[in-house]
Amino acid sequence: MIEVWYFDGCPSHEVFMPHLRALLDAAGVDERIHERAVETDVDAQAHRFLGSPTLRIDGVDIDPTAGQRTDYGLQCRLYPAPDGVRGTPPDEWILAALQRRGSALAAD
């Protein structure tokens, strides 16, 4: 399952969605993207929400450092980029997560 977690009004979420769809299409992934709105800080804590947008594939955050983080909350999420930081995850992380998923499915 491909999920994008966000909070209403997040400008990065709005920019990310068409880019993610195009990236998935280019990778040959024809799957629905489930959008999950986080509305309260309590929800953010309960869902281990590191900020908007958060992309999870089969329940796993694509950020390789997400498992060590605990800064959950209703906040904009920043991702590392060659020129600093940006509000959307790097394509490389998305493609790597899809590749890991494909490898896991092939092993089953």
PDB file of N, CA and C in Angstrom:
ATOM      1  N   MET A   1       0.844  -1.167   0.000  1.00  0.00           N
ATOM      2  CA  MET A   1       0.000   0.000   0.000  1.00  0.00           C
ATOM      3  C   MET A   1       0.895   1.237   0.000  1.00  0.00           C
ATOM      4  N   ILE A   2       0.545   2.187  -0.801  1.00  0.00           N
ATOM      5  CA  ILE A   2       1.277   3.450  -0.874  1.00  0.00           C
ATOM      6  C   ILE A   2       0.424   4.508  -0.180  1.00  0.00           C
ATOM      7  N   GLU A   3       1.003   5.123   0.862  1.00  0.00           N
ATOM      8  CA  GLU A   3       0.276   6.113   1.653  1.00  0.00           C
ATOM      9  C   GLU A   3       1.072   7.410   1.739  1.00  0.00           C
ATOM     10  N   VAL A   4       0.356   8.513   1.611  1.00  0.00           N
ATOM     11  CA  VAL A   4       0.944   9.820   1.859  1.00  0.00           C
ATOM     12  C   VAL A   4       0.189  10.423   3.032  1.00  0.00           C
ATOM     13  N   TRP A   5       0.918  10.667   4.117  1.00  0.00           N
ATOM     14  CA  TRP A   5       0.365  11.262   5.323  1.00  0.00           C
ATOM     15  C   TRP A   5       0.652  12.756   5.267  1.00  0.00           C
ATOM     16  N   TYR A   6      -0.319  13.575   5.645  1.00  0.00           N
ATOM     17  CA  TYR A   6      -0.187  15.024   5.509  1.00  0.00           C
ATOM     18  C   TYR A   6      -1.137  15.719   6.472  1.00  0.00           C
ATOM     19  N   PHE A   7      -1.010  17.033   6.574  1.00  0.00           N
ATOM     20  CA  PHE A   7      -2.032  17.812   7.262  1.00  0.00           C
ATOM     21  C   PHE A   7      -2.612  18.801   6.259  1.00  0.00           C
ATOM     22  N   ASP A   8      -3.895  19.120   6.433  1.00  0.00           N
ATOM     23  CA  ASP A   8      -4.594  20.022   5.512  1.00  0.00           C
ATOM     24  C   ASP A   8      -3.867  21.347   5.402  1.00  0.00           C
ATOM     25  N   GLY A   9      -3.744  21.807   4.168  1.00  0.00           N
ATOM     26  CA  GLY A   9      -3.114  23.086   3.909  1.00  0.00           C
ATOM     27  C   GLY A   9      -1.609  23.023   3.711  1.00  0.00           C
ATOM     28  N   CYS A  10      -1.038  21.851   3.769  1.00  0.00           N
ATOM     29  CA  CYS A  10       0.406  21.714   3.591  1.00  0.00           C
ATOM     30  C   CYS A  10       0.771  21.972   2.122  1.00  0.00           C
ATOM     31  N   PRO A  11       1.528  23.023   1.835  1.00  0.00           N
ATOM     32  CA  PRO A  11       1.868  23.304   0.433  1.00  0.00           C
ATOM     33  C   PRO A  11       2.767  22.230  -0.175  1.00  0.00           C
ATOM     34  N   SER A  12       3.612  21.597   0.619  1.00  0.00           N
ATOM     35  CA  SER A  12       4.487  20.551   0.077  1.00  0.00           C
ATOM     36  C   SER A  12       3.686  19.323  -0.350  1.00  0.00           C
ATOM     37  N   HIS A  13       2.623  19.010   0.394  1.00  0.00           N
ATOM     38  CA  HIS A  13       1.756  17.881   0.036  1.00  0.00           C
ATOM     39  C   HIS A  13       1.135  18.127  -1.329  1.00  0.00           C
ATOM     40  N   GLU A  14       0.632  19.327  -1.546  1.00  0.00           N
ATOM     41  CA  GLU A  14      -0.023  19.654  -2.815  1.00  0.00           C
ATOM     42  C   GLU A  14       0.943  19.556  -3.991  1.00  0.00           C
ATOM     43  N   VAL A  15       2.192  19.955  -3.788  1.00  0.00           N
ATOM     44  CA  VAL A  15       3.211  19.869  -4.834  1.00  0.00           C
ATOM     45  C   VAL A  15       3.649  18.418  -5.045  1.00  0.00           C
ATOM     46  N   PHE A  16       3.728  17.675  -3.955  1.00  0.00           N
ATOM     47  CA  PHE A  16       4.253  16.314  -3.992  1.00  0.00           C
ATOM     48  C   PHE A  16       3.349  15.329  -4.725  1.00  0.00           C
ATOM     49  N   MET A  17       2.051  15.437  -4.546  1.00  0.00           N
ATOM     50  CA  MET A  17       1.141  14.421  -5.085  1.00  0.00           C
ATOM     51  C   MET A  17       1.274  14.219  -6.596  1.00  0.00           C
ATOM     52  N   PRO A  18       1.206  15.266  -7.435  1.00  0.00           N
ATOM     53  CA  PRO A  18       1.357  15.003  -8.878  1.00  0.00           C
ATOM     54  C   PRO A  18       2.757  14.498  -9.235  1.00  0.00           C
ATOM     55  N   HIS A  19       3.755  14.941  -8.502  1.00  0.00           N
ATOM     56  CA  HIS A  19       5.118  14.462  -8.763  1.00  0.00           C
ATOM     57  C   HIS A  19       5.235  12.972  -8.422  1.00  0.00           C
ATOM     58  N   LEU A  20       4.672  12.579  -7.292  1.00  0.00           N
ATOM     59  CA  LEU A  20       4.700  11.174  -6.900  1.00  0.00           C
ATOM     60  C   LEU A  20       3.974  10.314  -7.925  1.00  0.00           C
ATOM     61  N   ARG A  21       2.816  10.752  -8.361  1.00  0.00           N
ATOM     62  CA  ARG A  21       2.064   9.981  -9.357  1.00  0.00           C
ATOM     63  C   ARG A  21       2.880   9.795 -10.625  1.00  0.00           C
ATOM     64  N   ALA A  22       3.527  10.876 -11.095  1.00  0.00           N
ATOM     65  CA  ALA A  22       4.354  10.796 -12.301  1.00  0.00           C
ATOM     66  C   ALA A  22       5.536   9.862 -12.090  1.00  0.00           C
ATOM     67  N   LEU A  23       6.146   9.911 -10.918  1.00  0.00           N
ATOM     68  CA  LEU A  23       7.278   9.031 -10.615  1.00  0.00           C
ATOM     69  C   LEU A  23       6.838   7.568 -10.581  1.00  0.00           C
ATOM     70  N   LEU A  24       5.698   7.296  -9.959  1.00  0.00           N
ATOM     71  CA  LEU A  24       5.172   5.931  -9.917  1.00  0.00           C
ATOM     72  C   LEU A  24       4.832   5.437 -11.321  1.00  0.00           C
ATOM     73  N   ASP A  25       4.211   6.298 -12.125  1.00  0.00           N
ATOM     74  CA  ASP A  25       3.881   5.920 -13.500  1.00  0.00           C
ATOM     75  C   ASP A  25       5.146   5.572 -14.282  1.00  0.00           C
ATOM     76  N   ALA A  26       6.185   6.396 -14.125  1.00  0.00           N
ATOM     77  CA  ALA A  26       7.444   6.155 -14.832  1.00  0.00           C
ATOM     78  C   ALA A  26       8.094   4.850 -14.378  1.00  0.00           C
ATOM     79  N   ALA A  27       7.866   4.477 -13.122  1.00  0.00           N
ATOM     80  CA  ALA A  27       8.429   3.228 -12.583  1.00  0.00           C
ATOM     81  C   ALA A  27       7.538   2.024 -12.879  1.00  0.00           C
ATOM     82  N   GLY A  28       6.410   2.254 -13.544  1.00  0.00           N
ATOM     83  CA  GLY A  28       5.508   1.152 -13.891  1.00  0.00           C
ATOM     84  C   GLY A  28       4.650   0.684 -12.732  1.00  0.00           C
ATOM     85  N   VAL A  29       4.442   1.550 -11.736  1.00  0.00           N
ATOM     86  CA  VAL A  29       3.630   1.195 -10.576  1.00  0.00           C
ATOM     87  C   VAL A  29       2.243   1.800 -10.766  1.00  0.00           C
ATOM     88  N   ASP A  30       1.276   0.947 -11.065  1.00  0.00           N
ATOM     89  CA  ASP A  30      -0.098   1.388 -11.268  1.00  0.00           C
ATOM     90  C   ASP A  30      -0.892   1.013 -10.024  1.00  0.00           C
ATOM     91  N   GLU A  31      -0.799   1.854  -9.035  1.00  0.00           N
ATOM     92  CA  GLU A  31      -1.421   1.564  -7.750  1.00  0.00           C
ATOM     93  C   GLU A  31      -2.004   2.845  -7.173  1.00  0.00           C
ATOM     94  N   ARG A  32      -3.087   2.692  -6.486  1.00  0.00           N
ATOM     95  CA  ARG A  32      -3.729   3.841  -5.850  1.00  0.00           C
ATOM     96  C   ARG A  32      -2.847   4.397  -4.730  1.00  0.00           C
ATOM     97  N   ILE A  33      -2.808   5.716  -4.625  1.00  0.00           N
ATOM     98  CA  ILE A  33      -2.118   6.382  -3.529  1.00  0.00           C
ATOM     99  C   ILE A  33      -3.175   6.730  -2.488  1.00  0.00           C
ATOM    100  N   HIS A  34      -3.003   6.235  -1.277  1.00  0.00           N
ATOM    101  CA  HIS A  34      -3.935   6.513  -0.189  1.00  0.00           C
ATOM    102  C   HIS A  34      -3.444   7.748   0.563  1.00  0.00           C
ATOM    103  N   GLU A  35      -4.281   8.767   0.610  1.00  0.00           N
ATOM    104  CA  GLU A  35      -3.926   9.979   1.327  1.00  0.00           C
ATOM    105  C   GLU A  35      -4.532   9.924   2.724  1.00  0.00           C
ATOM    106  N   ARG A  36      -3.703  10.170   3.730  1.00  0.00           N
ATOM    107  CA  ARG A  36      -4.110  10.083   5.131  1.00  0.00           C
ATOM    108  C   ARG A  36      -3.900  11.428   5.809  1.00  0.00           C
ATOM    109  N   ALA A  37      -4.985  12.086   6.159  1.00  0.00           N
ATOM    110  CA  ALA A  37      -4.899  13.380   6.837  1.00  0.00           C
ATOM    111  C   ALA A  37      -4.678  13.177   8.335  1.00  0.00           C
ATOM    112  N   VAL A  38      -3.748  13.931   8.886  1.00  0.00           N
ATOM    113  CA  VAL A  38      -3.483  13.943  10.320  1.00  0.00           C
ATOM    114  C   VAL A  38      -4.012  15.282  10.831  1.00  0.00           C
ATOM    115  N   GLU A  39      -4.926  15.224  11.793  1.00  0.00           N
ATOM    116  CA  GLU A  39      -5.629  16.446  12.187  1.00  0.00           C
ATOM    117  C   GLU A  39      -5.224  17.012  13.540  1.00  0.00           C
ATOM    118  N   THR A  40      -4.673  16.179  14.421  1.00  0.00           N
ATOM    119  CA  THR A  40      -4.324  16.668  15.758  1.00  0.00           C
ATOM    120  C   THR A  40      -2.942  16.163  16.143  1.00  0.00           C
ATOM    121  N   ASP A  41      -2.373  16.809  17.158  1.00  0.00           N
ATOM    122  CA  ASP A  41      -1.077  16.358  17.649  1.00  0.00           C
ATOM    123  C   ASP A  41      -1.190  14.949  18.247  1.00  0.00           C
ATOM    124  N   VAL A  42      -2.327  14.652  18.858  1.00  0.00           N
ATOM    125  CA  VAL A  42      -2.549  13.303  19.402  1.00  0.00           C
ATOM    126  C   VAL A  42      -2.490  12.275  18.275  1.00  0.00           C
ATOM    127  N   ASP A  43      -3.140  12.590  17.145  1.00  0.00           N
ATOM    128  CA  ASP A  43      -3.080  11.706  15.978  1.00  0.00           C
ATOM    129  C   ASP A  43      -1.642  11.572  15.464  1.00  0.00           C
ATOM    130  N   ALA A  44      -0.925  12.697  15.447  1.00  0.00           N
ATOM    131  CA  ALA A  44       0.462  12.685  14.976  1.00  0.00           C
ATOM    132  C   ALA A  44       1.307  11.740  15.825  1.00  0.00           C
ATOM    133  N   GLN A  45       1.136  11.810  17.123  1.00  0.00           N
ATOM    134  CA  GLN A  45       1.889  10.923  18.019  1.00  0.00           C
ATOM    135  C   GLN A  45       1.478   9.460  17.797  1.00  0.00           C
ATOM    136  N   ALA A  46       0.187   9.231  17.709  1.00  0.00           N
ATOM    137  CA  ALA A  46      -0.326   7.862  17.563  1.00  0.00           C
ATOM    138  C   ALA A  46       0.147   7.207  16.260  1.00  0.00           C
ATOM    139  N   HIS A  47       0.256   8.002  15.203  1.00  0.00           N
ATOM    140  CA  HIS A  47       0.635   7.473  13.891  1.00  0.00           C
ATOM    141  C   HIS A  47       2.121   7.655  13.579  1.00  0.00           C
ATOM    142  N   ARG A  48       2.882   8.124  14.576  1.00  0.00           N
ATOM    143  CA  ARG A  48       4.317   8.339  14.391  1.00  0.00           C
ATOM    144  C   ARG A  48       4.573   9.212  13.162  1.00  0.00           C
ATOM    145  N   PHE A  49       3.837  10.309  13.110  1.00  0.00           N
ATOM    146  CA  PHE A  49       3.846  11.240  11.980  1.00  0.00           C
ATOM    147  C   PHE A  49       4.984  12.238  12.138  1.00  0.00           C
ATOM    148  N   LEU A  50       5.966  12.140  11.257  1.00  0.00           N
ATOM    149  CA  LEU A  50       7.150  12.989  11.327  1.00  0.00           C
ATOM    150  C   LEU A  50       6.984  14.312  10.585  1.00  0.00           C
ATOM    151  N   GLY A  51       5.846  14.528  10.006  1.00  0.00           N
ATOM    152  CA  GLY A  51       5.594  15.782   9.297  1.00  0.00           C
ATOM    153  C   GLY A  51       5.029  15.541   7.915  1.00  0.00           C
ATOM    154  N   SER A  52       4.582  16.617   7.328  1.00  0.00           N
ATOM    155  CA  SER A  52       3.887  16.566   6.044  1.00  0.00           C
ATOM    156  C   SER A  52       4.790  17.083   4.930  1.00  0.00           C
ATOM    157  N   PRO A  53       4.854  16.296   3.842  1.00  0.00           N
ATOM    158  CA  PRO A  53       4.266  14.983   3.608  1.00  0.00           C
ATOM    159  C   PRO A  53       5.188  13.856   4.059  1.00  0.00           C
ATOM    160  N   THR A  54       4.573  12.761   4.467  1.00  0.00           N
ATOM    161  CA  THR A  54       5.284  11.535   4.813  1.00  0.00           C
ATOM    162  C   THR A  54       4.806  10.444   3.865  1.00  0.00           C
ATOM    163  N   LEU A  55       5.736   9.783   3.210  1.00  0.00           N
ATOM    164  CA  LEU A  55       5.408   8.695   2.296  1.00  0.00           C
ATOM    165  C   LEU A  55       5.775   7.373   2.947  1.00  0.00           C
ATOM    166  N   ARG A  56       4.793   6.485   3.005  1.00  0.00           N
ATOM    167  CA  ARG A  56       5.018   5.137   3.518  1.00  0.00           C
ATOM    168  C   ARG A  56       4.624   4.128   2.449  1.00  0.00           C
ATOM    169  N   ILE A  57       5.458   3.145   2.285  1.00  0.00           N
ATOM    170  CA  ILE A  57       5.168   2.057   1.353  1.00  0.00           C
ATOM    171  C   ILE A  57       5.070   0.783   2.175  1.00  0.00           C
ATOM    172  N   ASP A  58       3.900   0.174   2.118  1.00  0.00           N
ATOM    173  CA  ASP A  58       3.596  -1.019   2.920  1.00  0.00           C
ATOM    174  C   ASP A  58       3.863  -0.762   4.404  1.00  0.00           C
ATOM    175  N   GLY A  59       3.483   0.431   4.851  1.00  0.00           N
ATOM    176  CA  GLY A  59       3.575   0.795   6.259  1.00  0.00           C
ATOM    177  C   GLY A  59       4.928   1.287   6.727  1.00  0.00           C
ATOM    178  N   VAL A  60       5.902   1.332   5.830  1.00  0.00           N
ATOM    179  CA  VAL A  60       7.261   1.726   6.204  1.00  0.00           C
ATOM    180  C   VAL A  60       7.590   3.085   5.603  1.00  0.00           C
ATOM    181  N   ASP A  61       8.019   4.013   6.460  1.00  0.00           N
ATOM    182  CA  ASP A  61       8.451   5.333   6.005  1.00  0.00           C
ATOM    183  C   ASP A  61       9.650   5.154   5.084  1.00  0.00           C
ATOM    184  N   ILE A  62       9.665   5.854   3.960  1.00  0.00           N
ATOM    185  CA  ILE A  62      10.760   5.682   3.007  1.00  0.00           C
ATOM    186  C   ILE A  62      12.053   6.342   3.467  1.00  0.00           C
ATOM    187  N   ASP A  63      11.985   7.208   4.473  1.00  0.00           N
ATOM    188  CA  ASP A  63      13.170   7.875   5.009  1.00  0.00           C
ATOM    189  C   ASP A  63      14.009   6.848   5.765  1.00  0.00           C
ATOM    190  N   PRO A  64      15.258   6.622   5.353  1.00  0.00           N
ATOM    191  CA  PRO A  64      16.084   5.622   6.024  1.00  0.00           C
ATOM    192  C   PRO A  64      16.343   5.927   7.504  1.00  0.00           C
ATOM    193  N   THR A  65      16.175   7.174   7.920  1.00  0.00           N
ATOM    194  CA  THR A  65      16.421   7.543   9.319  1.00  0.00           C
ATOM    195  C   THR A  65      15.144   7.585  10.153  1.00  0.00           C
ATOM    196  N   ALA A  66      14.007   7.327   9.561  1.00  0.00           N
ATOM    197  CA  ALA A  66      12.721   7.491  10.262  1.00  0.00           C
ATOM    198  C   ALA A  66      12.610   6.619  11.502  1.00  0.00           C
ATOM    199  N   GLY A  67      13.160   5.431  11.469  1.00  0.00           N
ATOM    200  CA  GLY A  67      13.053   4.507  12.594  1.00  0.00           C
ATOM    201  C   GLY A  67      13.726   5.000  13.862  1.00  0.00           C
ATOM    202  N   GLN A  68      14.699   5.889  13.727  1.00  0.00           N
ATOM    203  CA  GLN A  68      15.407   6.409  14.894  1.00  0.00           C
ATOM    204  C   GLN A  68      14.824   7.728  15.396  1.00  0.00           C
ATOM    205  N   ARG A  69      13.868   8.273  14.683  1.00  0.00           N
ATOM    206  CA  ARG A  69      13.331   9.592  15.026  1.00  0.00           C
ATOM    207  C   ARG A  69      12.106   9.492  15.923  1.00  0.00           C
ATOM    208  N   THR A  70      11.913  10.536  16.733  1.00  0.00           N
ATOM    209  CA  THR A  70      10.747  10.592  17.622  1.00  0.00           C
ATOM    210  C   THR A  70      10.116  11.985  17.626  1.00  0.00           C
ATOM    211  N   ASP A  71      10.459  12.811  16.662  1.00  0.00           N
ATOM    212  CA  ASP A  71       9.949  14.186  16.616  1.00  0.00           C
ATOM    213  C   ASP A  71       8.604  14.247  15.879  1.00  0.00           C
ATOM    214  N   TYR A  72       7.629  13.543  16.424  1.00  0.00           N
ATOM    215  CA  TYR A  72       6.307  13.467  15.816  1.00  0.00           C
ATOM    216  C   TYR A  72       5.523  14.748  16.105  1.00  0.00           C
ATOM    217  N   GLY A  73       4.688  15.145  15.145  1.00  0.00           N
ATOM    218  CA  GLY A  73       3.849  16.314  15.370  1.00  0.00           C
ATOM    219  C   GLY A  73       3.300  16.882  14.078  1.00  0.00           C
ATOM    220  N   LEU A  74       2.397  17.831  14.223  1.00  0.00           N
ATOM    221  CA  LEU A  74       1.827  18.538  13.076  1.00  0.00           C
ATOM    222  C   LEU A  74       2.831  19.600  12.643  1.00  0.00           C
ATOM    223  N   GLN A  75       3.634  19.239  11.669  1.00  0.00           N
ATOM    224  CA  GLN A  75       4.704  20.124  11.226  1.00  0.00           C
ATOM    225  C   GLN A  75       5.018  19.840   9.768  1.00  0.00           C
ATOM    226  N   CYS A  76       5.677  20.790   9.152  1.00  0.00           N
ATOM    227  CA  CYS A  76       6.177  20.560   7.808  1.00  0.00           C
ATOM    228  C   CYS A  76       7.412  19.674   7.922  1.00  0.00           C
ATOM    229  N   ARG A  77       7.523  18.749   7.022  1.00  0.00           N
ATOM    230  CA  ARG A  77       8.677  17.846   7.041  1.00  0.00           C
ATOM    231  C   ARG A  77       9.709  18.353   6.049  1.00  0.00           C
ATOM    232  N   LEU A  78      10.946  18.314   6.449  1.00  0.00           N
ATOM    233  CA  LEU A  78      12.034  18.727   5.575  1.00  0.00           C
ATOM    234  C   LEU A  78      12.916  17.528   5.275  1.00  0.00           C
ATOM    235  N   TYR A  79      13.356  17.450   4.031  1.00  0.00           N
ATOM    236  CA  TYR A  79      14.181  16.348   3.557  1.00  0.00           C
ATOM    237  C   TYR A  79      15.508  16.885   3.046  1.00  0.00           C
ATOM    238  N   PRO A  80      16.599  16.127   3.206  1.00  0.00           N
ATOM    239  CA  PRO A  80      17.895  16.583   2.710  1.00  0.00           C
ATOM    240  C   PRO A  80      17.917  16.611   1.182  1.00  0.00           C
ATOM    241  N   ALA A  81      18.601  17.604   0.656  1.00  0.00           N
ATOM    242  CA  ALA A  81      18.779  17.736  -0.789  1.00  0.00           C
ATOM    243  C   ALA A  81      20.206  18.220  -1.029  1.00  0.00           C
ATOM    244  N   PRO A  82      20.729  17.999  -2.216  1.00  0.00           N
ATOM    245  CA  PRO A  82      22.112  18.426  -2.492  1.00  0.00           C
ATOM    246  C   PRO A  82      22.345  19.916  -2.209  1.00  0.00           C
ATOM    247  N   ASP A  83      21.316  20.729  -2.375  1.00  0.00           N
ATOM    248  CA  ASP A  83      21.479  22.171  -2.173  1.00  0.00           C
ATOM    249  C   ASP A  83      20.894  22.652  -0.838  1.00  0.00           C
ATOM    250  N   GLY A  84      20.648  21.759   0.098  1.00  0.00           N
ATOM    251  CA  GLY A  84      20.102  22.140   1.407  1.00  0.00           C
ATOM    252  C   GLY A  84      18.989  21.210   1.829  1.00  0.00           C
ATOM    253  N   VAL A  85      17.799  21.749   2.002  1.00  0.00           N
ATOM    254  CA  VAL A  85      16.634  20.939   2.346  1.00  0.00           C
ATOM    255  C   VAL A  85      15.465  21.327   1.458  1.00  0.00           C
ATOM    256  N   ARG A  86      14.501  20.411   1.370  1.00  0.00           N
ATOM    257  CA  ARG A  86      13.282  20.693   0.605  1.00  0.00           C
ATOM    258  C   ARG A  86      12.106  20.028   1.290  1.00  0.00           C
ATOM    259  N   GLY A  87      10.913  20.333   0.836  1.00  0.00           N
ATOM    260  CA  GLY A  87       9.702  19.859   1.493  1.00  0.00           C
ATOM    261  C   GLY A  87       9.156  18.542   0.991  1.00  0.00           C
ATOM    262  N   THR A  88       9.864  17.884   0.095  1.00  0.00           N
ATOM    263  CA  THR A  88       9.412  16.592  -0.429  1.00  0.00           C
ATOM    264  C   THR A  88      10.579  15.606  -0.420  1.00  0.00           C
ATOM    265  N   PRO A  89      10.271  14.311  -0.287  1.00  0.00           N
ATOM    266  CA  PRO A  89      11.352  13.323  -0.225  1.00  0.00           C
ATOM    267  C   PRO A  89      12.079  13.190  -1.559  1.00  0.00           C
ATOM    268  N   PRO A  90      13.353  12.846  -1.489  1.00  0.00           N
ATOM    269  CA  PRO A  90      14.123  12.642  -2.716  1.00  0.00           C
ATOM    270  C   PRO A  90      13.577  11.471  -3.538  1.00  0.00           C
ATOM    271  N   ASP A  91      13.582  11.642  -4.843  1.00  0.00           N
ATOM    272  CA  ASP A  91      13.138  10.566  -5.736  1.00  0.00           C
ATOM    273  C   ASP A  91      13.911   9.276  -5.482  1.00  0.00           C
ATOM    274  N   GLU A  92      15.197   9.406  -5.160  1.00  0.00           N
ATOM    275  CA  GLU A  92      16.028   8.223  -4.940  1.00  0.00           C
ATOM    276  C   GLU A  92      15.485   7.370  -3.798  1.00  0.00           C
ATOM    277  N   TRP A  93      14.993   8.012  -2.737  1.00  0.00           N
ATOM    278  CA  TRP A  93      14.426   7.263  -1.610  1.00  0.00           C
ATOM    279  C   TRP A  93      13.172   6.526  -2.039  1.00  0.00           C
ATOM    280  N   ILE A  94      12.353   7.194  -2.826  1.00  0.00           N
ATOM    281  CA  ILE A  94      11.094   6.587  -3.289  1.00  0.00           C
ATOM    282  C   ILE A  94      11.400   5.375  -4.159  1.00  0.00           C
ATOM    283  N   LEU A  95      12.299   5.552  -5.116  1.00  0.00           N
ATOM    284  CA  LEU A  95      12.642   4.459  -6.021  1.00  0.00           C
ATOM    285  C   LEU A  95      13.305   3.304  -5.278  1.00  0.00           C
ATOM    286  N   ALA A  96      14.144   3.607  -4.297  1.00  0.00           N
ATOM    287  CA  ALA A  96      14.787   2.546  -3.502  1.00  0.00           C
ATOM    288  C   ALA A  96      13.745   1.762  -2.711  1.00  0.00           C
ATOM    289  N   ALA A  97      12.757   2.463  -2.139  1.00  0.00           N
ATOM    290  CA  ALA A  97      11.696   1.785  -1.380  1.00  0.00           C
ATOM    291  C   ALA A  97      10.876   0.886  -2.299  1.00  0.00           C
ATOM    292  N   LEU A  98      10.601   1.352  -3.500  1.00  0.00           N
ATOM    293  CA  LEU A  98       9.860   0.533  -4.461  1.00  0.00           C
ATOM    294  C   LEU A  98      10.681  -0.687  -4.875  1.00  0.00           C
ATOM    295  N   GLN A  99      11.979  -0.500  -5.020  1.00  0.00           N
ATOM    296  CA  GLN A  99      12.850  -1.628  -5.383  1.00  0.00           C
ATOM    297  C   GLN A  99      12.898  -2.660  -4.262  1.00  0.00           C
ATOM    298  N   ARG A 100      13.013  -2.195  -3.006  1.00  0.00           N
ATOM    299  CA  ARG A 100      13.014  -3.129  -1.867  1.00  0.00           C
ATOM    300  C   ARG A 100      11.703  -3.894  -1.827  1.00  0.00           C
ATOM    301  N   ARG A 101      10.627  -3.183  -2.090  1.00  0.00           N
ATOM    302  CA  ARG A 101       9.309  -3.814  -2.099  1.00  0.00           C
ATOM    303  C   ARG A 101       9.245  -4.891  -3.173  1.00  0.00           C
ATOM    304  N   GLY A 102       9.730  -4.578  -4.357  1.00  0.00           N
ATOM    305  CA  GLY A 102       9.728  -5.547  -5.447  1.00  0.00           C
ATOM    306  C   GLY A 102      10.570  -6.763  -5.124  1.00  0.00           C
ATOM    307  N   SER A 103      11.714  -6.534  -4.467  1.00  0.00           N
ATOM    308  CA  SER A 103      12.582  -7.648  -4.081  1.00  0.00           C
ATOM    309  C   SER A 103      11.892  -8.535  -3.044  1.00  0.00           C
ATOM    310  N   ALA A 104      11.199  -7.904  -2.092  1.00  0.00           N
ATOM    311  CA  ALA A 104      10.494  -8.663  -1.048  1.00  0.00           C
ATOM    312  C   ALA A 104       9.356  -9.477  -1.658  1.00  0.00           C
ATOM    313  N   LEU A 105       8.635  -8.891  -2.614  1.00  0.00           N
ATOM    314  CA  LEU A 105       7.531  -9.613  -3.250  1.00  0.00           C
ATOM    315  C   LEU A 105       8.053 -10.785  -4.079  1.00  0.00           C
ATOM    316  N   ALA A 106       9.198 -10.596  -4.727  1.00  0.00           N
ATOM    317  CA  ALA A 106       9.781 -11.666  -5.532  1.00  0.00           C
ATOM    318  C   ALA A 106      10.254 -12.826  -4.657  1.00  0.00           C
ATOM    319  N   ALA A 107      10.665 -12.506  -3.440  1.00  0.00           N
ATOM    320  CA  ALA A 107      11.163 -13.543  -2.516  1.00  0.00           C
ATOM    321  C   ALA A 107      10.033 -14.372  -1.922  1.00  0.00           C
ATOM    322  N   ASP A 108       8.821 -13.842  -1.902  1.00  0.00           N
ATOM    323  CA  ASP A 108       7.677 -14.573  -1.305  1.00  0.00           C
ATOM    324  C   ASP A 108       7.234 -15.739  -2.131  1.00  0.00           C
TER     325      ASP A 108
END
